[in-house]
Amino acid sequence: MVLEVKVHPEKKKDRVLGYKLPNFLEVELRAKPQNNQANEALKQLLSTIFKISEGQIKIIKGKTQPKKLVNLEGLDQSQFEVYIKKFLKKE
């Protein structure tokens, strides 16, 4: 599944601000947008949310931009909805 993600780096904590179906997610990250730190933090957050390994997460566009296209290998639309809703209930 390909996901469009808007990233806000250098915030107080890693968290999801919101999502829109079918495939948009907005997040805040503590990491700085330099030396790939924010991209790695994004992979860690997505791995936690969707219960997939970081190796299954590929940033395919926007590596140096706040708007990114991210491929989540092995995840489909219905799984996306289930996992994101569960994660947001915990926050």
PDB file of N, CA and C in Angstrom:
ATOM      1  N   MET A   1       0.850  -1.172   0.000  1.00  0.00           N
ATOM      2  CA  MET A   1       0.000   0.000   0.000  1.00  0.00           C
ATOM      3  C   MET A   1       0.895   1.235   0.000  1.00  0.00           C
ATOM      4  N   VAL A   2       0.523   2.221  -0.793  1.00  0.00           N
ATOM      5  CA  VAL A   2       1.260   3.484  -0.825  1.00  0.00           C
ATOM      6  C   VAL A   2       0.481   4.509  -0.010  1.00  0.00           C
ATOM      7  N   LEU A   3       1.213   5.163   0.874  1.00  0.00           N
ATOM      8  CA  LEU A   3       0.627   6.100   1.821  1.00  0.00           C
ATOM      9  C   LEU A   3       1.237   7.478   1.600  1.00  0.00           C
ATOM     10  N   GLU A   4       0.411   8.500   1.590  1.00  0.00           N
ATOM     11  CA  GLU A   4       0.903   9.878   1.544  1.00  0.00           C
ATOM     12  C   GLU A   4       1.024  10.349   2.991  1.00  0.00           C
ATOM     13  N   VAL A   5       2.202  10.856   3.354  1.00  0.00           N
ATOM     14  CA  VAL A   5       2.450  11.269   4.736  1.00  0.00           C
ATOM     15  C   VAL A   5       2.956  12.704   4.757  1.00  0.00           C
ATOM     16  N   LYS A   6       2.367  13.510   5.624  1.00  0.00           N
ATOM     17  CA  LYS A   6       2.877  14.863   5.860  1.00  0.00           C
ATOM     18  C   LYS A   6       3.555  14.847   7.221  1.00  0.00           C
ATOM     19  N   VAL A   7       4.823  15.238   7.249  1.00  0.00           N
ATOM     20  CA  VAL A   7       5.645  15.160   8.454  1.00  0.00           C
ATOM     21  C   VAL A   7       5.926  16.559   8.998  1.00  0.00           C
ATOM     22  N   HIS A   8       5.764  16.704  10.311  1.00  0.00           N
ATOM     23  CA  HIS A   8       6.132  17.931  11.018  1.00  0.00           C
ATOM     24  C   HIS A   8       7.277  17.559  11.975  1.00  0.00           C
ATOM     25  N   PRO A   9       8.531  17.843  11.600  1.00  0.00           N
ATOM     26  CA  PRO A   9       9.664  17.462  12.454  1.00  0.00           C
ATOM     27  C   PRO A   9       9.872  18.429  13.617  1.00  0.00           C
ATOM     28  N   GLU A  10      10.748  18.025  14.525  1.00  0.00           N
ATOM     29  CA  GLU A  10      11.169  18.831  15.684  1.00  0.00           C
ATOM     30  C   GLU A  10       9.997  19.251  16.578  1.00  0.00           C
ATOM     31  N   LYS A  11       9.122  18.314  16.859  1.00  0.00           N
ATOM     32  CA  LYS A  11       7.997  18.565  17.761  1.00  0.00           C
ATOM     33  C   LYS A  11       8.279  17.899  19.108  1.00  0.00           C
ATOM     34  N   LYS A  12       7.372  18.057  20.061  1.00  0.00           N
ATOM     35  CA  LYS A  12       7.601  17.550  21.419  1.00  0.00           C
ATOM     36  C   LYS A  12       7.569  16.032  21.514  1.00  0.00           C
ATOM     37  N   LYS A  13       6.754  15.374  20.666  1.00  0.00           N
ATOM     38  CA  LYS A  13       6.706  13.915  20.707  1.00  0.00           C
ATOM     39  C   LYS A  13       6.291  13.361  19.356  1.00  0.00           C
ATOM     40  N   ASP A  14       6.545  12.069  19.181  1.00  0.00           N
ATOM     41  CA  ASP A  14       6.116  11.376  17.971  1.00  0.00           C
ATOM     42  C   ASP A  14       4.638  11.039  18.132  1.00  0.00           C
ATOM     43  N   ARG A  15       3.831  11.519  17.184  1.00  0.00           N
ATOM     44  CA  ARG A  15       2.402  11.218  17.269  1.00  0.00           C
ATOM     45  C   ARG A  15       1.717  11.428  15.927  1.00  0.00           C
ATOM     46  N   VAL A  16       0.545  10.834  15.818  1.00  0.00           N
ATOM     47  CA  VAL A  16      -0.281  10.990  14.627  1.00  0.00           C
ATOM     48  C   VAL A  16      -1.247  12.140  14.869  1.00  0.00           C
ATOM     49  N   LEU A  17      -1.245  13.111  13.974  1.00  0.00           N
ATOM     50  CA  LEU A  17      -2.182  14.231  14.076  1.00  0.00           C
ATOM     51  C   LEU A  17      -3.541  13.863  13.498  1.00  0.00           C
ATOM     52  N   GLY A  18      -3.530  13.041  12.458  1.00  0.00           N
ATOM     53  CA  GLY A  18      -4.789  12.639  11.846  1.00  0.00           C
ATOM     54  C   GLY A  18      -4.562  11.827  10.596  1.00  0.00           C
ATOM     55  N   TYR A  19      -5.664  11.330  10.073  1.00  0.00           N
ATOM     56  CA  TYR A  19      -5.598  10.573   8.830  1.00  0.00           C
ATOM     57  C   TYR A  19      -6.870  10.812   8.033  1.00  0.00           C
ATOM     58  N   LYS A  20      -6.765  10.607   6.731  1.00  0.00           N
ATOM     59  CA  LYS A  20      -7.913  10.673   5.836  1.00  0.00           C
ATOM     60  C   LYS A  20      -7.845   9.444   4.950  1.00  0.00           C
ATOM     61  N   LEU A  21      -8.969   8.797   4.813  1.00  0.00           N
ATOM     62  CA  LEU A  21      -9.020   7.637   3.929  1.00  0.00           C
ATOM     63  C   LEU A  21      -9.042   8.124   2.490  1.00  0.00           C
ATOM     64  N   PRO A  22      -8.459   7.457   1.545  1.00  0.00           N
ATOM     65  CA  PRO A  22      -7.958   6.110   1.712  1.00  0.00           C
ATOM     66  C   PRO A  22      -6.509   6.006   2.171  1.00  0.00           C
ATOM     67  N   ASN A  23      -5.672   7.059   1.993  1.00  0.00           N
ATOM     68  CA  ASN A  23      -4.248   6.812   2.227  1.00  0.00           C
ATOM     69  C   ASN A  23      -3.438   8.037   2.648  1.00  0.00           C
ATOM     70  N   PHE A  24      -3.957   8.883   3.515  1.00  0.00           N
ATOM     71  CA  PHE A  24      -3.217  10.066   3.954  1.00  0.00           C
ATOM     72  C   PHE A  24      -3.043  10.043   5.467  1.00  0.00           C
ATOM     73  N   LEU A  25      -1.833  10.373   5.908  1.00  0.00           N
ATOM     74  CA  LEU A  25      -1.514  10.392   7.329  1.00  0.00           C
ATOM     75  C   LEU A  25      -0.691  11.646   7.613  1.00  0.00           C
ATOM     76  N   GLU A  26      -0.980  12.313   8.729  1.00  0.00           N
ATOM     77  CA  GLU A  26      -0.207  13.486   9.145  1.00  0.00           C
ATOM     78  C   GLU A  26       0.394  13.191  10.508  1.00  0.00           C
ATOM     79  N   VAL A  27       1.718  13.400  10.638  1.00  0.00           N
ATOM     80  CA  VAL A  27       2.414  13.041  11.871  1.00  0.00           C
ATOM     81  C   VAL A  27       3.339  14.154  12.348  1.00  0.00           C
ATOM     82  N   GLU A  28       3.597  14.138  13.650  1.00  0.00           N
ATOM     83  CA  GLU A  28       4.634  14.971  14.258  1.00  0.00           C
ATOM     84  C   GLU A  28       5.737  14.040  14.747  1.00  0.00           C
ATOM     85  N   LEU A  29       6.979  14.490  14.583  1.00  0.00           N
ATOM     86  CA  LEU A  29       8.141  13.707  15.004  1.00  0.00           C
ATOM     87  C   LEU A  29       9.082  14.579  15.825  1.00  0.00           C
ATOM     88  N   ARG A  30       9.722  13.983  16.813  1.00  0.00           N
ATOM     89  CA  ARG A  30      10.723  14.709  17.602  1.00  0.00           C
ATOM     90  C   ARG A  30      12.005  14.930  16.816  1.00  0.00           C
ATOM     91  N   ALA A  31      12.301  14.048  15.898  1.00  0.00           N
ATOM     92  CA  ALA A  31      13.564  14.080  15.160  1.00  0.00           C
ATOM     93  C   ALA A  31      13.696  15.335  14.300  1.00  0.00           C
ATOM     94  N   LYS A  32      14.951  15.710  14.080  1.00  0.00           N
ATOM     95  CA  LYS A  32      15.264  16.843  13.211  1.00  0.00           C
ATOM     96  C   LYS A  32      15.250  16.386  11.754  1.00  0.00           C
ATOM     97  N   PRO A  33      14.957  17.309  10.838  1.00  0.00           N
ATOM     98  CA  PRO A  33      14.935  16.949   9.418  1.00  0.00           C
ATOM     99  C   PRO A  33      16.323  17.031   8.785  1.00  0.00           C
ATOM    100  N   GLN A  34      17.289  16.389   9.391  1.00  0.00           N
ATOM    101  CA  GLN A  34      18.644  16.387   8.854  1.00  0.00           C
ATOM    102  C   GLN A  34      19.287  15.035   9.092  1.00  0.00           C
ATOM    103  N   ASN A  35      20.231  14.699   8.242  1.00  0.00           N
ATOM    104  CA  ASN A  35      20.945  13.423   8.330  1.00  0.00           C
ATOM    105  C   ASN A  35      19.994  12.234   8.390  1.00  0.00           C
ATOM    106  N   ASN A  36      18.869  12.330   7.698  1.00  0.00           N
ATOM    107  CA  ASN A  36      17.899  11.235   7.600  1.00  0.00           C
ATOM    108  C   ASN A  36      17.208  10.898   8.927  1.00  0.00           C
ATOM    109  N   GLN A  37      17.375  11.737   9.947  1.00  0.00           N
ATOM    110  CA  GLN A  37      16.809  11.452  11.268  1.00  0.00           C
ATOM    111  C   GLN A  37      15.285  11.395  11.245  1.00  0.00           C
ATOM    112  N   ALA A  38      14.642  12.350  10.592  1.00  0.00           N
ATOM    113  CA  ALA A  38      13.176  12.363  10.550  1.00  0.00           C
ATOM    114  C   ALA A  38      12.636  11.174   9.759  1.00  0.00           C
ATOM    115  N   ASN A  39      13.312  10.799   8.677  1.00  0.00           N
ATOM    116  CA  ASN A  39      12.867   9.638   7.901  1.00  0.00           C
ATOM    117  C   ASN A  39      12.960   8.357   8.725  1.00  0.00           C
ATOM    118  N   GLU A  40      14.036   8.205   9.477  1.00  0.00           N
ATOM    119  CA  GLU A  40      14.184   7.017  10.325  1.00  0.00           C
ATOM    120  C   GLU A  40      13.137   7.007  11.435  1.00  0.00           C
ATOM    121  N   ALA A  41      12.867   8.167  12.017  1.00  0.00           N
ATOM    122  CA  ALA A  41      11.833   8.256  13.056  1.00  0.00           C
ATOM    123  C   ALA A  41      10.459   7.940  12.471  1.00  0.00           C
ATOM    124  N   LEU A  42      10.215   8.383  11.247  1.00  0.00           N
ATOM    125  CA  LEU A  42       8.949   8.073  10.580  1.00  0.00           C
ATOM    126  C   LEU A  42       8.806   6.567  10.388  1.00  0.00           C
ATOM    127  N   LYS A  43       9.865   5.919   9.930  1.00  0.00           N
ATOM    128  CA  LYS A  43       9.823   4.464   9.749  1.00  0.00           C
ATOM    129  C   LYS A  43       9.539   3.755  11.069  1.00  0.00           C
ATOM    130  N   GLN A  44      10.166   4.211  12.145  1.00  0.00           N
ATOM    131  CA  GLN A  44       9.925   3.600  13.456  1.00  0.00           C
ATOM    132  C   GLN A  44       8.474   3.766  13.884  1.00  0.00           C
ATOM    133  N   LEU A  45       7.927   4.958  13.701  1.00  0.00           N
ATOM    134  CA  LEU A  45       6.536   5.210  14.079  1.00  0.00           C
ATOM    135  C   LEU A  45       5.586   4.351  13.246  1.00  0.00           C
ATOM    136  N   LEU A  46       5.787   4.316  11.936  1.00  0.00           N
ATOM    137  CA  LEU A  46       4.920   3.515  11.069  1.00  0.00           C
ATOM    138  C   LEU A  46       5.032   2.030  11.386  1.00  0.00           C
ATOM    139  N   SER A  47       6.233   1.584  11.706  1.00  0.00           N
ATOM    140  CA  SER A  47       6.444   0.191  12.099  1.00  0.00           C
ATOM    141  C   SER A  47       5.646  -0.146  13.353  1.00  0.00           C
ATOM    142  N   THR A  48       5.649   0.759  14.314  1.00  0.00           N
ATOM    143  CA  THR A  48       4.891   0.566  15.556  1.00  0.00           C
ATOM    144  C   THR A  48       3.390   0.549  15.290  1.00  0.00           C
ATOM    145  N   ILE A  49       2.920   1.478  14.502  1.00  0.00           N
ATOM    146  CA  ILE A  49       1.484   1.582  14.223  1.00  0.00           C
ATOM    147  C   ILE A  49       0.973   0.356  13.478  1.00  0.00           C
ATOM    148  N   PHE A  50       1.660  -0.023  12.420  1.00  0.00           N
ATOM    149  CA  PHE A  50       1.143  -1.028  11.496  1.00  0.00           C
ATOM    150  C   PHE A  50       1.703  -2.431  11.710  1.00  0.00           C
ATOM    151  N   LYS A  51       2.523  -2.609  12.735  1.00  0.00           N
ATOM    152  CA  LYS A  51       3.037  -3.936  13.103  1.00  0.00           C
ATOM    153  C   LYS A  51       3.762  -4.615  11.943  1.00  0.00           C
ATOM    154  N   ILE A  52       4.593  -3.827  11.256  1.00  0.00           N
ATOM    155  CA  ILE A  52       5.442  -4.367  10.201  1.00  0.00           C
ATOM    156  C   ILE A  52       6.876  -3.941  10.497  1.00  0.00           C
ATOM    157  N   SER A  53       7.832  -4.623   9.889  1.00  0.00           N
ATOM    158  CA  SER A  53       9.233  -4.280  10.142  1.00  0.00           C
ATOM    159  C   SER A  53       9.604  -3.008   9.380  1.00  0.00           C
ATOM    160  N   GLU A  54      10.628  -2.331   9.871  1.00  0.00           N
ATOM    161  CA  GLU A  54      11.101  -1.122   9.191  1.00  0.00           C
ATOM    162  C   GLU A  54      11.586  -1.442   7.783  1.00  0.00           C
ATOM    163  N   GLY A  55      12.030  -2.669   7.562  1.00  0.00           N
ATOM    164  CA  GLY A  55      12.463  -3.088   6.234  1.00  0.00           C
ATOM    165  C   GLY A  55      11.332  -3.138   5.217  1.00  0.00           C
ATOM    166  N   GLN A  56      10.102  -3.205   5.686  1.00  0.00           N
ATOM    167  CA  GLN A  56       8.935  -3.228   4.800  1.00  0.00           C
ATOM    168  C   GLN A  56       8.436  -1.819   4.475  1.00  0.00           C
ATOM    169  N   ILE A  57       9.126  -0.813   4.994  1.00  0.00           N
ATOM    170  CA  ILE A  57       8.712   0.578   4.814  1.00  0.00           C
ATOM    171  C   ILE A  57       9.742   1.288   3.943  1.00  0.00           C
ATOM    172  N   LYS A  58       9.294   1.772   2.789  1.00  0.00           N
ATOM    173  CA  LYS A  58      10.188   2.447   1.848  1.00  0.00           C
ATOM    174  C   LYS A  58       9.632   3.830   1.514  1.00  0.00           C
ATOM    175  N   ILE A  59      10.464   4.840   1.696  1.00  0.00           N
ATOM    176  CA  ILE A  59      10.080   6.191   1.278  1.00  0.00           C
ATOM    177  C   ILE A  59      10.407   6.288  -0.204  1.00  0.00           C
ATOM    178  N   ILE A  60       9.368   6.381  -1.023  1.00  0.00           N
ATOM    179  CA  ILE A  60       9.578   6.342  -2.466  1.00  0.00           C
ATOM    180  C   ILE A  60       9.610   7.732  -3.106  1.00  0.00           C
ATOM    181  N   LYS A  61       9.161   8.744  -2.376  1.00  0.00           N
ATOM    182  CA  LYS A  61       9.213  10.116  -2.894  1.00  0.00           C
ATOM    183  C   LYS A  61       9.200  11.074  -1.711  1.00  0.00           C
ATOM    184  N   GLY A  62       9.982  12.148  -1.819  1.00  0.00           N
ATOM    185  CA  GLY A  62       9.961  13.186  -0.799  1.00  0.00           C
ATOM    186  C   GLY A  62      10.902  12.954   0.369  1.00  0.00           C
ATOM    187  N   LYS A  63      12.014  12.287   0.138  1.00  0.00           N
ATOM    188  CA  LYS A  63      12.944  11.996   1.243  1.00  0.00           C
ATOM    189  C   LYS A  63      13.446  13.258   1.939  1.00  0.00           C
ATOM    190  N   THR A  64      13.501  14.366   1.219  1.00  0.00           N
ATOM    191  CA  THR A  64      13.972  15.618   1.824  1.00  0.00           C
ATOM    192  C   THR A  64      12.854  16.656   1.932  1.00  0.00           C
ATOM    193  N   GLN A  65      11.624  16.209   1.809  1.00  0.00           N
ATOM    194  CA  GLN A  65      10.464  17.101   1.850  1.00  0.00           C
ATOM    195  C   GLN A  65       9.514  16.693   2.978  1.00  0.00           C
ATOM    196  N   PRO A  66       8.678  17.610   3.450  1.00  0.00           N
ATOM    197  CA  PRO A  66       7.706  17.238   4.486  1.00  0.00           C
ATOM    198  C   PRO A  66       6.594  16.323   3.964  1.00  0.00           C
ATOM    199  N   LYS A  67       6.276  16.424   2.671  1.00  0.00           N
ATOM    200  CA  LYS A  67       5.268  15.536   2.080  1.00  0.00           C
ATOM    201  C   LYS A  67       5.987  14.365   1.431  1.00  0.00           C
ATOM    202  N   LYS A  68       5.588  13.163   1.827  1.00  0.00           N
ATOM    203  CA  LYS A  68       6.270  11.959   1.373  1.00  0.00           C
ATOM    204  C   LYS A  68       5.280  10.939   0.842  1.00  0.00           C
ATOM    205  N   LEU A  69       5.740  10.096  -0.063  1.00  0.00           N
ATOM    206  CA  LEU A  69       5.013   8.900  -0.456  1.00  0.00           C
ATOM    207  C   LEU A  69       5.783   7.728   0.126  1.00  0.00           C
ATOM    208  N   VAL A  70       5.074   6.893   0.867  1.00  0.00           N
ATOM    209  CA  VAL A  70       5.709   5.788   1.569  1.00  0.00           C
ATOM    210  C   VAL A  70       5.015   4.492   1.179  1.00  0.00           C
ATOM    211  N   ASN A  71       5.798   3.496   0.785  1.00  0.00           N
ATOM    212  CA  ASN A  71       5.253   2.179   0.474  1.00  0.00           C
ATOM    213  C   ASN A  71       5.334   1.302   1.720  1.00  0.00           C
ATOM    214  N   LEU A  72       4.197   0.753   2.122  1.00  0.00           N
ATOM    215  CA  LEU A  72       4.125  -0.170   3.254  1.00  0.00           C
ATOM    216  C   LEU A  72       3.877  -1.558   2.685  1.00  0.00           C
ATOM    217  N   GLU A  73       4.946  -2.345   2.562  1.00  0.00           N
ATOM    218  CA  GLU A  73       4.842  -3.669   1.956  1.00  0.00           C
ATOM    219  C   GLU A  73       4.070  -4.613   2.867  1.00  0.00           C
ATOM    220  N   GLY A  74       3.137  -5.351   2.272  1.00  0.00           N
ATOM    221  CA  GLY A  74       2.393  -6.352   3.028  1.00  0.00           C
ATOM    222  C   GLY A  74       1.204  -5.804   3.790  1.00  0.00           C
ATOM    223  N   LEU A  75       0.844  -4.552   3.553  1.00  0.00           N
ATOM    224  CA  LEU A  75      -0.290  -3.945   4.251  1.00  0.00           C
ATOM    225  C   LEU A  75      -1.339  -3.557   3.217  1.00  0.00           C
ATOM    226  N   ASP A  76      -2.602  -3.879   3.489  1.00  0.00           N
ATOM    227  CA  ASP A  76      -3.668  -3.472   2.576  1.00  0.00           C
ATOM    228  C   ASP A  76      -4.553  -2.415   3.235  1.00  0.00           C
ATOM    229  N   GLN A  77      -5.517  -1.919   2.484  1.00  0.00           N
ATOM    230  CA  GLN A  77      -6.365  -0.824   2.947  1.00  0.00           C
ATOM    231  C   GLN A  77      -7.127  -1.173   4.222  1.00  0.00           C
ATOM    232  N   SER A  78      -7.687  -2.359   4.290  1.00  0.00           N
ATOM    233  CA  SER A  78      -8.472  -2.723   5.475  1.00  0.00           C
ATOM    234  C   SER A  78      -7.579  -2.822   6.708  1.00  0.00           C
ATOM    235  N   GLN A  79      -6.374  -3.353   6.550  1.00  0.00           N
ATOM    236  CA  GLN A  79      -5.430  -3.426   7.672  1.00  0.00           C
ATOM    237  C   GLN A  79      -5.019  -2.022   8.108  1.00  0.00           C
ATOM    238  N   PHE A  80      -4.789  -1.134   7.143  1.00  0.00           N
ATOM    239  CA  PHE A  80      -4.441   0.250   7.452  1.00  0.00           C
ATOM    240  C   PHE A  80      -5.488   0.862   8.372  1.00  0.00           C
ATOM    241  N   GLU A  81      -6.751   0.717   8.006  1.00  0.00           N
ATOM    242  CA  GLU A  81      -7.834   1.311   8.791  1.00  0.00           C
ATOM    243  C   GLU A  81      -7.903   0.727  10.196  1.00  0.00           C
ATOM    244  N   VAL A  82      -7.772  -0.586  10.309  1.00  0.00           N
ATOM    245  CA  VAL A  82      -7.832  -1.242  11.621  1.00  0.00           C
ATOM    246  C   VAL A  82      -6.693  -0.762  12.513  1.00  0.00           C
ATOM    247  N   TYR A  83      -5.468  -0.794  11.999  1.00  0.00           N
ATOM    248  CA  TYR A  83      -4.298  -0.431  12.807  1.00  0.00           C
ATOM    249  C   TYR A  83      -4.287   1.045  13.202  1.00  0.00           C
ATOM    250  N   ILE A  84      -4.662   1.930  12.286  1.00  0.00           N
ATOM    251  CA  ILE A  84      -4.608   3.358  12.617  1.00  0.00           C
ATOM    252  C   ILE A  84      -5.670   3.698  13.659  1.00  0.00           C
ATOM    253  N   LYS A  85      -6.834   3.095  13.558  1.00  0.00           N
ATOM    254  CA  LYS A  85      -7.885   3.352  14.553  1.00  0.00           C
ATOM    255  C   LYS A  85      -7.471   2.835  15.926  1.00  0.00           C
ATOM    256  N   LYS A  86      -6.863   1.652  15.973  1.00  0.00           N
ATOM    257  CA  LYS A  86      -6.382   1.103  17.252  1.00  0.00           C
ATOM    258  C   LYS A  86      -5.318   2.010  17.858  1.00  0.00           C
ATOM    259  N   PHE A  87      -4.395   2.463  17.036  1.00  0.00           N
ATOM    260  CA  PHE A  87      -3.307   3.304  17.522  1.00  0.00           C
ATOM    261  C   PHE A  87      -3.836   4.626  18.066  1.00  0.00           C
ATOM    262  N   LEU A  88      -4.770   5.234  17.372  1.00  0.00           N
ATOM    263  CA  LEU A  88      -5.300   6.524  17.811  1.00  0.00           C
ATOM    264  C   LEU A  88      -6.111   6.406  19.098  1.00  0.00           C
ATOM    265  N   LYS A  89      -6.726   5.268  19.331  1.00  0.00           N
ATOM    266  CA  LYS A  89      -7.449   5.062  20.595  1.00  0.00           C
ATOM    267  C   LYS A  89      -6.490   5.013  21.779  1.00  0.00           C
ATOM    268  N   LYS A  90      -5.271   4.505  21.546  1.00  0.00           N
ATOM    269  CA  LYS A  90      -4.266   4.395  22.616  1.00  0.00           C
ATOM    270  C   LYS A  90      -3.689   5.752  22.993  1.00  0.00           C
ATOM    271  N   GLU A  91      -3.601   6.661  22.016  1.00  0.00           N
ATOM    272  CA  GLU A  91      -2.949   7.960  22.265  1.00  0.00           C
ATOM    273  C   GLU A  91      -3.719   8.829  23.211  1.00  0.00           C
TER     274      GLU A  91
END
